[in-house]
Amino acid sequence: MNKSGLMNERLDSIVQNNEKYRQAELETDKAICVLEGMLSQEQQKALDDYLSAENHRAAVYAEISYRQGMKDILTLLVSLIDK
């Protein structure tokens, strides 16, 4: 498994044990069920395509943020060692 896979697996484990996250996930699930019940098949497909694209964008953003945070921590640690 690559580093990204290990990071995702570990994070998934952490968030699934977080009550605030689980509650937010339930609210999201309820909202999408209501919304999908109001849409035609074609509209549901368009919504699913949009949500998939948005989830991918958010995942890319999260990975970039994570990597930048790691670089910032490394820079901080190096600067502390140099003192």
C-alpha atoms as a PDB file:
ATOM      1  CA  MET A   1       0.000   0.000   0.000  1.00  0.00           C
ATOM      2  CA  ASN A   2       1.316   3.477  -0.848  1.00  0.00           C
ATOM      3  CA  LYS A   3       1.704   6.354   1.627  1.00  0.00           C
ATOM      4  CA  SER A   4      -1.543   7.975   0.530  1.00  0.00           C
ATOM      5  CA  GLY A   5      -3.433   4.723   1.062  1.00  0.00           C
ATOM      6  CA  LEU A   6      -1.984   4.302   4.543  1.00  0.00           C
ATOM      7  CA  MET A   7      -2.832   7.914   5.384  1.00  0.00           C
ATOM      8  CA  ASN A   8      -6.414   7.478   4.179  1.00  0.00           C
ATOM      9  CA  GLU A   9      -6.837   4.186   6.026  1.00  0.00           C
ATOM     10  CA  ARG A  10      -5.562   5.690   9.274  1.00  0.00           C
ATOM     11  CA  LEU A  11      -7.663   8.834   8.907  1.00  0.00           C
ATOM     12  CA  ASP A  12     -10.777   6.777   8.106  1.00  0.00           C
ATOM     13  CA  SER A  13     -10.260   4.880  11.335  1.00  0.00           C
ATOM     14  CA  ILE A  14      -9.863   8.107  13.306  1.00  0.00           C
ATOM     15  CA  VAL A  15     -12.912   9.877  11.872  1.00  0.00           C
ATOM     16  CA  GLN A  16     -15.169   6.853  12.243  1.00  0.00           C
ATOM     17  CA  ASN A  17     -14.421   6.922  15.963  1.00  0.00           C
ATOM     18  CA  ASN A  18     -15.248  10.632  16.197  1.00  0.00           C
ATOM     19  CA  GLU A  19     -18.813  11.322  17.352  1.00  0.00           C
ATOM     20  CA  LYS A  20     -18.953  14.785  15.771  1.00  0.00           C
ATOM     21  CA  TYR A  21     -17.914  13.347  12.391  1.00  0.00           C
ATOM     22  CA  ARG A  22     -20.366  10.449  12.613  1.00  0.00           C
ATOM     23  CA  GLN A  23     -23.198  12.873  13.413  1.00  0.00           C
ATOM     24  CA  ALA A  24     -22.268  15.072  10.451  1.00  0.00           C
ATOM     25  CA  GLU A  25     -22.213  11.987   8.229  1.00  0.00           C
ATOM     26  CA  LEU A  26     -25.715  10.979   9.396  1.00  0.00           C
ATOM     27  CA  GLU A  27     -27.034  14.470   8.664  1.00  0.00           C
ATOM     28  CA  THR A  28     -25.492  14.345   5.192  1.00  0.00           C
ATOM     29  CA  ASP A  29     -27.006  10.905   4.523  1.00  0.00           C
ATOM     30  CA  LYS A  30     -30.478  12.066   5.606  1.00  0.00           C
ATOM     31  CA  ALA A  31     -30.282  15.197   3.459  1.00  0.00           C
ATOM     32  CA  ILE A  32     -29.210  13.303   0.338  1.00  0.00           C
ATOM     33  CA  CYS A  33     -32.016  10.762   0.810  1.00  0.00           C
ATOM     34  CA  VAL A  34     -34.585  13.567   0.961  1.00  0.00           C
ATOM     35  CA  LEU A  35     -33.068  15.317  -2.044  1.00  0.00           C
ATOM     36  CA  GLU A  36     -32.872  12.160  -4.150  1.00  0.00           C
ATOM     37  CA  GLY A  37     -36.520  11.437  -3.386  1.00  0.00           C
ATOM     38  CA  MET A  38     -37.415  14.751  -5.030  1.00  0.00           C
ATOM     39  CA  LEU A  39     -35.426  14.214  -8.232  1.00  0.00           C
ATOM     40  CA  SER A  40     -36.001  12.404 -11.504  1.00  0.00           C
ATOM     41  CA  GLN A  41     -33.554   9.671 -12.573  1.00  0.00           C
ATOM     42  CA  GLU A  42     -31.776  12.133 -14.876  1.00  0.00           C
ATOM     43  CA  GLN A  43     -31.499  14.726 -12.114  1.00  0.00           C
ATOM     44  CA  GLN A  44     -30.232  12.071  -9.674  1.00  0.00           C
ATOM     45  CA  LYS A  45     -27.523  11.108 -12.184  1.00  0.00           C
ATOM     46  CA  ALA A  46     -26.497  14.758 -12.592  1.00  0.00           C
ATOM     47  CA  LEU A  47     -26.408  15.192  -8.803  1.00  0.00           C
ATOM     48  CA  ASP A  48     -24.340  12.028  -8.385  1.00  0.00           C
ATOM     49  CA  ASP A  49     -21.879  13.200 -11.050  1.00  0.00           C
ATOM     50  CA  TYR A  50     -21.581  16.572  -9.323  1.00  0.00           C
ATOM     51  CA  LEU A  51     -21.088  15.018  -5.860  1.00  0.00           C
ATOM     52  CA  SER A  52     -18.441  12.648  -7.211  1.00  0.00           C
ATOM     53  CA  ALA A  53     -16.544  15.530  -8.805  1.00  0.00           C
ATOM     54  CA  GLU A  54     -16.882  17.644  -5.653  1.00  0.00           C
ATOM     55  CA  ASN A  55     -15.699  14.782  -3.429  1.00  0.00           C
ATOM     56  CA  HIS A  56     -12.679  14.291  -5.670  1.00  0.00           C
ATOM     57  CA  ARG A  57     -11.872  18.018  -5.544  1.00  0.00           C
ATOM     58  CA  ALA A  58     -12.181  18.015  -1.741  1.00  0.00           C
ATOM     59  CA  ALA A  59      -9.945  14.942  -1.482  1.00  0.00           C
ATOM     60  CA  VAL A  60      -7.261  16.579  -3.642  1.00  0.00           C
ATOM     61  CA  TYR A  61      -7.497  19.745  -1.531  1.00  0.00           C
ATOM     62  CA  ALA A  62      -7.217  17.735   1.697  1.00  0.00           C
ATOM     63  CA  GLU A  63      -4.155  15.884   0.409  1.00  0.00           C
ATOM     64  CA  ILE A  64      -2.471  19.134  -0.629  1.00  0.00           C
ATOM     65  CA  SER A  65      -3.305  20.659   2.772  1.00  0.00           C
ATOM     66  CA  TYR A  66      -1.952  17.620   4.596  1.00  0.00           C
ATOM     67  CA  ARG A  67       1.288  17.636   2.627  1.00  0.00           C
ATOM     68  CA  GLN A  68       1.742  21.366   3.159  1.00  0.00           C
ATOM     69  CA  GLY A  69       1.145  20.913   6.882  1.00  0.00           C
ATOM     70  CA  MET A  70       3.806  18.210   6.984  1.00  0.00           C
ATOM     71  CA  LYS A  71       6.248  20.479   5.133  1.00  0.00           C
ATOM     72  CA  ASP A  72       5.476  23.315   7.552  1.00  0.00           C
ATOM     73  CA  ILE A  73       6.080  21.051  10.550  1.00  0.00           C
ATOM     74  CA  LEU A  74       9.347  19.815   9.054  1.00  0.00           C
ATOM     75  CA  THR A  75      10.466  23.409   8.409  1.00  0.00           C
ATOM     76  CA  LEU A  76       9.599  24.326  11.999  1.00  0.00           C
ATOM     77  CA  LEU A  77      11.482  21.335  13.415  1.00  0.00           C
ATOM     78  CA  VAL A  78      14.533  22.054  11.265  1.00  0.00           C
ATOM     79  CA  SER A  79      14.507  25.697  12.382  1.00  0.00           C
ATOM     80  CA  LEU A  80      14.370  24.580  16.024  1.00  0.00           C
ATOM     81  CA  ILE A  81      17.290  22.189  15.546  1.00  0.00           C
ATOM     82  CA  ASP A  82      19.387  24.909  13.892  1.00  0.00           C
ATOM     83  CA  LYS A  83      19.077  27.159  16.969  1.00  0.00           C
END
